[in-house]
PDB file of all heavy atoms in Angstrom:
ATOM      1  N   GLY A   1     104.582 125.133 100.459  1.00  0.00           N
ATOM      2  CA  GLY A   1     103.278 124.568 100.980  1.00  0.00           C
ATOM      3  C   GLY A   1     102.704 123.495 100.125  1.00  0.00           C
ATOM      4  O   GLY A   1     101.463 123.319 100.067  1.00  0.00           O
ATOM      5  N   LEU A   2     103.549 122.735  99.443  1.00  0.00           N
ATOM      6  CA  LEU A   2     103.057 121.596  98.580  1.00  0.00           C
ATOM      7  C   LEU A   2     103.093 120.315  99.328  1.00  0.00           C
ATOM      8  O   LEU A   2     104.032 120.065 100.083  1.00  0.00           O
ATOM      9  CB  LEU A   2     103.900 121.508  97.359  1.00  0.00           C
ATOM     10  CG  LEU A   2     103.910 122.669  96.370  1.00  0.00           C
ATOM     11  CD1 LEU A   2     104.945 122.508  95.292  1.00  0.00           C
ATOM     12  CD2 LEU A   2     102.518 122.814  95.712  1.00  0.00           C
ATOM     13  N   SER A   3     102.098 119.497  99.108  1.00  0.00           N
ATOM     14  CA  SER A   3     102.152 118.069  99.608  1.00  0.00           C
ATOM     15  C   SER A   3     103.032 117.330  98.660  1.00  0.00           C
ATOM     16  O   SER A   3     103.353 117.740  97.486  1.00  0.00           O
ATOM     17  CB  SER A   3     100.772 117.494  99.717  1.00  0.00           C
ATOM     18  OG  SER A   3     100.278 117.255  98.424  1.00  0.00           O
ATOM     19  N   GLN A   4     103.449 116.104  99.052  1.00  0.00           N
ATOM     20  CA  GLN A   4     104.132 115.242  98.199  1.00  0.00           C
ATOM     21  C   GLN A   4     103.329 114.885  96.924  1.00  0.00           C
ATOM     22  O   GLN A   4     103.858 114.820  95.787  1.00  0.00           O
ATOM     23  CB  GLN A   4     104.611 113.991  98.899  1.00  0.00           C
ATOM     24  CG  GLN A   4     105.668 114.255  99.924  1.00  0.00           C
ATOM     25  CD  GLN A   4     106.058 113.011 100.662  1.00  0.00           C
ATOM     26  OE1 GLN A   4     105.318 112.086 100.908  1.00  0.00           O
ATOM     27  NE2 GLN A   4     107.381 113.017 101.114  1.00  0.00           N
ATOM     28  N   THR A   5     102.034 114.707  97.149  1.00  0.00           N
ATOM     29  CA  THR A   5     101.168 114.376  96.042  1.00  0.00           C
ATOM     30  C   THR A   5     101.028 115.530  95.034  1.00  0.00           C
ATOM     31  O   THR A   5     101.135 115.370  93.855  1.00  0.00           O
ATOM     32  CB  THR A   5      99.722 113.983  96.525  1.00  0.00           C
ATOM     33  OG1 THR A   5      99.894 112.891  97.383  1.00  0.00           O
ATOM     34  CG2 THR A   5      98.745 113.680  95.430  1.00  0.00           C
ATOM     35  N   ASP A   6     100.949 116.780  95.631  1.00  0.00           N
ATOM     36  CA  ASP A   6     100.865 117.965  94.805  1.00  0.00           C
ATOM     37  C   ASP A   6     102.213 118.124  93.947  1.00  0.00           C
ATOM     38  O   ASP A   6     102.055 118.402  92.722  1.00  0.00           O
ATOM     39  CB  ASP A   6     100.769 119.284  95.603  1.00  0.00           C
ATOM     40  CG  ASP A   6      99.412 119.370  96.327  1.00  0.00           C
ATOM     41  OD1 ASP A   6      98.489 118.643  95.931  1.00  0.00           O
ATOM     42  OD2 ASP A   6      99.395 120.098  97.382  1.00  0.00           O
ATOM     43  N   LEU A   7     103.300 117.869  94.518  1.00  0.00           N
ATOM     44  CA  LEU A   7     104.531 117.966  93.843  1.00  0.00           C
ATOM     45  C   LEU A   7     104.600 116.900  92.672  1.00  0.00           C
ATOM     46  O   LEU A   7     104.983 117.229  91.542  1.00  0.00           O
ATOM     47  CB  LEU A   7     105.731 117.783  94.697  1.00  0.00           C
ATOM     48  CG  LEU A   7     107.135 117.862  94.012  1.00  0.00           C
ATOM     49  CD1 LEU A   7     107.342 119.215  93.407  1.00  0.00           C
ATOM     50  CD2 LEU A   7     108.226 117.591  95.065  1.00  0.00           C
ATOM     51  N   GLY A   8     104.249 115.698  93.007  1.00  0.00           N
ATOM     52  CA  GLY A   8     104.229 114.605  91.988  1.00  0.00           C
ATOM     53  C   GLY A   8     103.326 114.914  90.796  1.00  0.00           C
ATOM     54  O   GLY A   8     103.750 114.659  89.677  1.00  0.00           O
ATOM     55  N   THR A   9     102.193 115.487  91.074  1.00  0.00           N
ATOM     56  CA  THR A   9     101.252 115.861  90.018  1.00  0.00           C
ATOM     57  C   THR A   9     101.861 116.990  89.157  1.00  0.00           C
ATOM     58  O   THR A   9     101.861 116.962  87.917  1.00  0.00           O
ATOM     59  CB  THR A   9      99.908 116.313  90.598  1.00  0.00           C
ATOM     60  OG1 THR A   9      99.382 115.167  91.359  1.00  0.00           O
ATOM     61  CG2 THR A   9      98.906 116.709  89.505  1.00  0.00           C
ATOM     62  N   ALA A  10     102.394 117.991  89.825  1.00  0.00           N
ATOM     63  CA  ALA A  10     102.950 119.132  89.137  1.00  0.00           C
ATOM     64  C   ALA A  10     104.197 118.765  88.309  1.00  0.00           C
ATOM     65  O   ALA A  10     104.385 119.205  87.112  1.00  0.00           O
ATOM     66  CB  ALA A  10     103.370 120.248  90.118  1.00  0.00           C
ATOM     67  N   VAL A  11     105.037 117.878  88.754  1.00  0.00           N
ATOM     68  CA  VAL A  11     106.174 117.360  87.978  1.00  0.00           C
ATOM     69  C   VAL A  11     105.646 116.715  86.719  1.00  0.00           C
ATOM     70  O   VAL A  11     106.203 116.893  85.637  1.00  0.00           O
ATOM     71  CB  VAL A  11     107.060 116.414  88.850  1.00  0.00           C
ATOM     72  CG1 VAL A  11     108.037 115.632  87.981  1.00  0.00           C
ATOM     73  CG2 VAL A  11     107.883 117.240  89.939  1.00  0.00           C
ATOM     74  N   GLY A  12     104.608 115.937  86.815  1.00  0.00           N
ATOM     75  CA  GLY A  12     104.036 115.214  85.728  1.00  0.00           C
ATOM     76  C   GLY A  12     103.549 116.130  84.633  1.00  0.00           C
ATOM     77  O   GLY A  12     103.562 115.759  83.395  1.00  0.00           O
ATOM     78  N   GLN A  13     103.261 117.355  84.928  1.00  0.00           N
ATOM     79  CA  GLN A  13     102.809 118.320  83.872  1.00  0.00           C
ATOM     80  C   GLN A  13     103.993 118.664  82.982  1.00  0.00           C
ATOM     81  O   GLN A  13     103.813 119.104  81.868  1.00  0.00           O
ATOM     82  CB  GLN A  13     102.187 119.556  84.526  1.00  0.00           C
ATOM     83  CG  GLN A  13     100.893 119.283  85.246  1.00  0.00           C
ATOM     84  CD  GLN A  13     100.402 120.517  86.035  1.00  0.00           C
ATOM     85  OE1 GLN A  13     101.059 121.528  86.076  1.00  0.00           O
ATOM     86  NE2 GLN A  13      99.217 120.369  86.627  1.00  0.00           N
ATOM     87  N   HIS A  14     105.180 118.581  83.501  1.00  0.00           N
ATOM     88  CA  HIS A  14     106.432 118.899  82.750  1.00  0.00           C
ATOM     89  C   HIS A  14     106.997 117.689  81.973  1.00  0.00           C
ATOM     90  O   HIS A  14     107.661 117.881  80.983  1.00  0.00           O
ATOM     91  CB  HIS A  14     107.420 119.531  83.614  1.00  0.00           C
ATOM     92  CG  HIS A  14     106.958 120.829  84.231  1.00  0.00           C
ATOM     93  ND1 HIS A  14     106.802 121.964  83.462  1.00  0.00           N
ATOM     94  CD2 HIS A  14     106.642 121.145  85.506  1.00  0.00           C
ATOM     95  CE1 HIS A  14     106.377 122.941  84.244  1.00  0.00           C
ATOM     96  NE2 HIS A  14     106.285 122.481  85.437  1.00  0.00           N
ATOM     97  N   ILE A  15     106.835 116.482  82.545  1.00  0.00           N
ATOM     98  CA  ILE A  15     107.480 115.289  81.921  1.00  0.00           C
ATOM     99  C   ILE A  15     106.491 114.329  81.368  1.00  0.00           C
ATOM    100  O   ILE A  15     106.951 113.248  80.886  1.00  0.00           O
ATOM    101  CB  ILE A  15     108.478 114.634  82.965  1.00  0.00           C
ATOM    102  CG1 ILE A  15     107.835 114.177  84.192  1.00  0.00           C
ATOM    103  CG2 ILE A  15     109.684 115.549  83.216  1.00  0.00           C
ATOM    104  CD1 ILE A  15     108.677 113.370  85.137  1.00  0.00           C
ATOM    105  N   GLY A  16     105.221 114.555  81.485  1.00  0.00           N
ATOM    106  CA  GLY A  16     104.191 113.707  80.856  1.00  0.00           C
ATOM    107  C   GLY A  16     103.798 112.524  81.727  1.00  0.00           C
ATOM    108  O   GLY A  16     102.919 111.761  81.328  1.00  0.00           O
ATOM    109  N   ARG A  17     104.354 112.386  82.939  1.00  0.00           N
ATOM    110  CA  ARG A  17     103.911 111.299  83.771  1.00  0.00           C
ATOM    111  C   ARG A  17     104.087 111.835  85.241  1.00  0.00           C
ATOM    112  O   ARG A  17     105.200 112.347  85.597  1.00  0.00           O
ATOM    113  CB  ARG A  17     104.633 110.041  83.590  1.00  0.00           C
ATOM    114  CG  ARG A  17     106.137 110.067  83.856  1.00  0.00           C
ATOM    115  CD  ARG A  17     106.859 108.845  83.407  1.00  0.00           C
ATOM    116  NE  ARG A  17     108.253 108.729  83.678  1.00  0.00           N
ATOM    117  CZ  ARG A  17     109.152 109.684  83.669  1.00  0.00           C
ATOM    118  NH1 ARG A  17     108.776 110.858  83.404  1.00  0.00           N
ATOM    119  NH2 ARG A  17     110.428 109.435  83.876  1.00  0.00           N
ATOM    120  N   SER A  18     103.085 111.670  86.017  1.00  0.00           N
ATOM    121  CA  SER A  18     103.141 112.118  87.409  1.00  0.00           C
ATOM    122  C   SER A  18     103.973 111.199  88.242  1.00  0.00           C
ATOM    123  O   SER A  18     104.038 110.019  87.948  1.00  0.00           O
ATOM    124  CB  SER A  18     101.749 112.210  87.991  1.00  0.00           C
ATOM    125  OG  SER A  18     101.033 113.240  87.332  1.00  0.00           O
ATOM    126  N   TRP A  19     104.531 111.710  89.309  1.00  0.00           N
ATOM    127  CA  TRP A  19     105.160 110.851  90.325  1.00  0.00           C
ATOM    128  C   TRP A  19     104.171 110.548  91.388  1.00  0.00           C
ATOM    129  O   TRP A  19     103.372 111.502  91.769  1.00  0.00           O
ATOM    130  CB  TRP A  19     106.339 111.667  90.962  1.00  0.00           C
ATOM    131  CG  TRP A  19     107.550 111.821  90.061  1.00  0.00           C
ATOM    132  CD1 TRP A  19     107.737 111.459  88.758  1.00  0.00           C
ATOM    133  CD2 TRP A  19     108.743 112.445  90.431  1.00  0.00           C
ATOM    134  NE1 TRP A  19     108.992 111.844  88.331  1.00  0.00           N
ATOM    135  CE2 TRP A  19     109.630 112.477  89.304  1.00  0.00           C
ATOM    136  CE3 TRP A  19     109.174 113.026  91.593  1.00  0.00           C
ATOM    137  CZ2 TRP A  19     110.885 112.984  89.360  1.00  0.00           C
ATOM    138  CZ3 TRP A  19     110.447 113.610  91.649  1.00  0.00           C
ATOM    139  CH2 TRP A  19     111.283 113.605  90.573  1.00  0.00           C
ATOM    140  N   SER A  20     104.140 109.412  91.867  1.00  0.00           N
ATOM    141  CA  SER A  20     103.246 109.025  93.056  1.00  0.00           C
ATOM    142  C   SER A  20     103.875 109.685  94.256  1.00  0.00           C
ATOM    143  O   SER A  20     105.012 110.094  94.264  1.00  0.00           O
ATOM    144  CB  SER A  20     103.229 107.494  93.232  1.00  0.00           C
ATOM    145  OG  SER A  20     104.485 107.054  93.596  1.00  0.00           O
ATOM    146  N   ARG A  21     102.974 109.778  95.334  1.00  0.00           N
ATOM    147  CA  ARG A  21     103.471 110.257  96.567  1.00  0.00           C
ATOM    148  C   ARG A  21     104.627 109.469  97.084  1.00  0.00           C
ATOM    149  O   ARG A  21     105.682 109.989  97.554  1.00  0.00           O
ATOM    150  CB  ARG A  21     102.333 110.238  97.610  1.00  0.00           C
ATOM    151  CG  ARG A  21     102.743 110.921  98.927  1.00  0.00           C
ATOM    152  CD  ARG A  21     101.829 110.480 100.093  1.00  0.00           C
ATOM    153  NE  ARG A  21     101.783 109.110 100.350  1.00  0.00           N
ATOM    154  CZ  ARG A  21     102.773 108.412 100.969  1.00  0.00           C
ATOM    155  NH1 ARG A  21     103.894 109.032 101.338  1.00  0.00           N
ATOM    156  NH2 ARG A  21     102.644 107.152 101.201  1.00  0.00           N
ATOM    157  N   GLN A  22     104.671 108.168  96.910  1.00  0.00           N
ATOM    158  CA  GLN A  22     105.754 107.251  97.296  1.00  0.00           C
ATOM    159  C   GLN A  22     107.012 107.582  96.518  1.00  0.00           C
ATOM    160  O   GLN A  22     108.137 107.532  97.082  1.00  0.00           O
ATOM    161  CB  GLN A  22     105.348 105.834  97.098  1.00  0.00           C
ATOM    162  CG  GLN A  22     104.264 105.261  98.014  1.00  0.00           C
ATOM    163  CD  GLN A  22     102.809 105.629  97.473  1.00  0.00           C
ATOM    164  OE1 GLN A  22     102.673 106.275  96.429  1.00  0.00           O
ATOM    165  NE2 GLN A  22     101.858 105.244  98.222  1.00  0.00           N
ATOM    166  N   ALA A  23     106.903 107.895  95.255  1.00  0.00           N
ATOM    167  CA  ALA A  23     108.072 108.230  94.427  1.00  0.00           C
ATOM    168  C   ALA A  23     108.655 109.554  94.902  1.00  0.00           C
ATOM    169  O   ALA A  23     109.904 109.727  94.953  1.00  0.00           O
ATOM    170  CB  ALA A  23     107.698 108.378  92.943  1.00  0.00           C
ATOM    171  N   VAL A  24     107.821 110.523  95.261  1.00  0.00           N
ATOM    172  CA  VAL A  24     108.346 111.821  95.830  1.00  0.00           C
ATOM    173  C   VAL A  24     109.042 111.562  97.160  1.00  0.00           C
ATOM    174  O   VAL A  24     110.114 112.002  97.376  1.00  0.00           O
ATOM    175  CB  VAL A  24     107.208 112.859  95.950  1.00  0.00           C
ATOM    176  CG1 VAL A  24     107.697 114.061  96.618  1.00  0.00           C
ATOM    177  CG2 VAL A  24     106.619 113.159  94.576  1.00  0.00           C
ATOM    178  N   SER A  25     108.419 110.714  97.962  1.00  0.00           N
ATOM    179  CA  SER A  25     109.014 110.446  99.293  1.00  0.00           C
ATOM    180  C   SER A  25     110.384 109.766  99.123  1.00  0.00           C
ATOM    181  O   SER A  25     111.342 110.103  99.718  1.00  0.00           O
ATOM    182  CB  SER A  25     108.080 109.502 100.077  1.00  0.00           C
ATOM    183  OG  SER A  25     108.685 109.113 101.276  1.00  0.00           O
ATOM    184  N   ALA A  26     110.463 108.758  98.137  1.00  0.00           N
ATOM    185  CA  ALA A  26     111.762 108.060  97.923  1.00  0.00           C
ATOM    186  C   ALA A  26     112.772 109.060  97.363  1.00  0.00           C
ATOM    187  O   ALA A  26     113.972 109.039  97.857  1.00  0.00           O
ATOM    188  CB  ALA A  26     111.505 106.953  96.944  1.00  0.00           C
ATOM    189  N   ALA A  27     112.345 109.955  96.523  1.00  0.00           N
ATOM    190  CA  ALA A  27     113.312 110.976  96.020  1.00  0.00           C
ATOM    191  C   ALA A  27     113.777 111.923  97.101  1.00  0.00           C
ATOM    192  O   ALA A  27     115.003 112.206  97.198  1.00  0.00           O
ATOM    193  CB  ALA A  27     112.627 111.737  94.897  1.00  0.00           C
ATOM    194  N   GLU A  28     112.891 112.353  98.007  1.00  0.00           N
ATOM    195  CA  GLU A  28     113.298 113.254  99.091  1.00  0.00           C
ATOM    196  C   GLU A  28     114.262 112.509 100.097  1.00  0.00           C
ATOM    197  O   GLU A  28     114.990 113.204 100.801  1.00  0.00           O
ATOM    198  CB  GLU A  28     112.027 113.742  99.818  1.00  0.00           C
ATOM    199  CG  GLU A  28     111.318 114.717  99.047  1.00  0.00           C
ATOM    200  CD  GLU A  28     110.008 115.294  99.652  1.00  0.00           C
ATOM    201  OE1 GLU A  28     109.593 114.774 100.779  1.00  0.00           O
ATOM    202  OE2 GLU A  28     109.455 116.212  99.162  1.00  0.00           O
ATOM    203  N   GLN A  29     114.112 111.245 100.205  1.00  0.00           N
ATOM    204  CA  GLN A  29     114.978 110.489 101.110  1.00  0.00           C
ATOM    205  C   GLN A  29     116.332 110.038 100.451  1.00  0.00           C
ATOM    206  O   GLN A  29     117.134 109.374 101.038  1.00  0.00           O
ATOM    207  CB  GLN A  29     114.283 109.270 101.648  1.00  0.00           C
ATOM    208  CG  GLN A  29     113.125 109.660 102.516  1.00  0.00           C
ATOM    209  CD  GLN A  29     112.279 108.432 102.902  1.00  0.00           C
ATOM    210  OE1 GLN A  29     112.738 107.275 103.056  1.00  0.00           O
ATOM    211  NE2 GLN A  29     110.957 108.605 103.137  1.00  0.00           N
ATOM    212  N   GLY A  30     116.474 110.430  99.177  1.00  0.00           N
ATOM    213  CA  GLY A  30     117.722 110.067  98.461  1.00  0.00           C
ATOM    214  C   GLY A  30     117.832 108.670  97.974  1.00  0.00           C
ATOM    215  O   GLY A  30     118.851 108.130  97.697  1.00  0.00           O
ATOM    216  N   ARG A  31     116.600 108.054  97.841  1.00  0.00           N
ATOM    217  CA  ARG A  31     116.544 106.653  97.368  1.00  0.00           C
ATOM    218  C   ARG A  31     116.150 106.600  95.921  1.00  0.00           C
ATOM    219  O   ARG A  31     115.609 105.510  95.480  1.00  0.00           O
ATOM    220  CB  ARG A  31     115.610 105.835  98.207  1.00  0.00           C
ATOM    221  CG  ARG A  31     116.033 105.692  99.695  1.00  0.00           C
ATOM    222  CD  ARG A  31     114.993 104.923 100.453  1.00  0.00           C
ATOM    223  NE  ARG A  31     113.708 105.623 100.248  1.00  0.00           N
ATOM    224  CZ  ARG A  31     112.564 104.990 100.497  1.00  0.00           C
ATOM    225  NH1 ARG A  31     112.482 103.807 100.915  1.00  0.00           N
ATOM    226  NH2 ARG A  31     111.412 105.625 100.223  1.00  0.00           N
ATOM    227  N   ARG A  32     116.343 107.638  95.118  1.00  0.00           N
ATOM    228  CA  ARG A  32     115.971 107.638  93.735  1.00  0.00           C
ATOM    229  C   ARG A  32     116.968 108.431  92.975  1.00  0.00           C
ATOM    230  O   ARG A  32     117.445 109.452  93.414  1.00  0.00           O
ATOM    231  CB  ARG A  32     114.582 108.323  93.619  1.00  0.00           C
ATOM    232  CG  ARG A  32     113.997 108.403  92.316  1.00  0.00           C
ATOM    233  CD  ARG A  32     112.696 109.188  92.320  1.00  0.00           C
ATOM    234  NE  ARG A  32     111.884 109.033  91.187  1.00  0.00           N
ATOM    235  CZ  ARG A  32     112.111 109.546  89.999  1.00  0.00           C
ATOM    236  NH1 ARG A  32     113.145 110.371  89.868  1.00  0.00           N
ATOM    237  NH2 ARG A  32     111.307 109.402  88.920  1.00  0.00           N
ATOM    238  N   SER A  33     117.306 107.957  91.769  1.00  0.00           N
ATOM    239  CA  SER A  33     118.191 108.713  90.929  1.00  0.00           C
ATOM    240  C   SER A  33     117.367 109.688  90.102  1.00  0.00           C
ATOM    241  O   SER A  33     116.171 109.495  89.939  1.00  0.00           O
ATOM    242  CB  SER A  33     118.912 107.772  89.938  1.00  0.00           C
ATOM    243  OG  SER A  33     119.838 106.928  90.655  1.00  0.00           O
ATOM    244  N   PHE A  34     117.993 110.752  89.571  1.00  0.00           N
ATOM    245  CA  PHE A  34     117.286 111.684  88.837  1.00  0.00           C
ATOM    246  C   PHE A  34     117.833 111.831  87.462  1.00  0.00           C
ATOM    247  O   PHE A  34     119.028 111.840  87.262  1.00  0.00           O
ATOM    248  CB  PHE A  34     117.438 113.130  89.483  1.00  0.00           C
ATOM    249  CG  PHE A  34     116.917 113.180  90.902  1.00  0.00           C
ATOM    250  CD1 PHE A  34     117.738 112.863  91.993  1.00  0.00           C
ATOM    251  CD2 PHE A  34     115.597 113.507  91.133  1.00  0.00           C
ATOM    252  CE1 PHE A  34     117.190 112.908  93.337  1.00  0.00           C
ATOM    253  CE2 PHE A  34     115.028 113.556  92.427  1.00  0.00           C
ATOM    254  CZ  PHE A  34     115.871 113.283  93.497  1.00  0.00           C
ATOM    255  N   THR A  35     116.888 111.918  86.462  1.00  0.00           N
ATOM    256  CA  THR A  35     117.305 112.111  85.080  1.00  0.00           C
ATOM    257  C   THR A  35     117.386 113.627  84.871  1.00  0.00           C
ATOM    258  O   THR A  35     116.926 114.435  85.722  1.00  0.00           O
ATOM    259  CB  THR A  35     116.236 111.602  84.094  1.00  0.00           C
ATOM    260  OG1 THR A  35     115.038 112.299  84.260  1.00  0.00           O
ATOM    261  CG2 THR A  35     116.057 110.052  84.377  1.00  0.00           C
ATOM    262  N   ALA A  36     117.981 114.040  83.742  1.00  0.00           N
ATOM    263  CA  ALA A  36     118.068 115.478  83.397  1.00  0.00           C
ATOM    264  C   ALA A  36     116.649 116.006  83.326  1.00  0.00           C
ATOM    265  O   ALA A  36     116.344 117.141  83.791  1.00  0.00           O
ATOM    266  CB  ALA A  36     118.824 115.708  82.144  1.00  0.00           C
ATOM    267  N   SER A  37     115.684 115.238  82.796  1.00  0.00           N
ATOM    268  CA  SER A  37     114.299 115.697  82.662  1.00  0.00           C
ATOM    269  C   SER A  37     113.692 115.879  84.014  1.00  0.00           C
ATOM    270  O   SER A  37     112.935 116.842  84.270  1.00  0.00           O
ATOM    271  CB  SER A  37     113.507 114.678  81.914  1.00  0.00           C
ATOM    272  OG  SER A  37     113.954 114.544  80.575  1.00  0.00           O
TER     273      SER A  37
END
């Protein structure tokens, strides 16, 4: 039940920088590489 914005903010709590809604959207569409972090 998370929005893309909610997910981006929550990820930021673990890696020190939030993901924008657009970054989450790009990741969900497979247009973004992922680091181990």
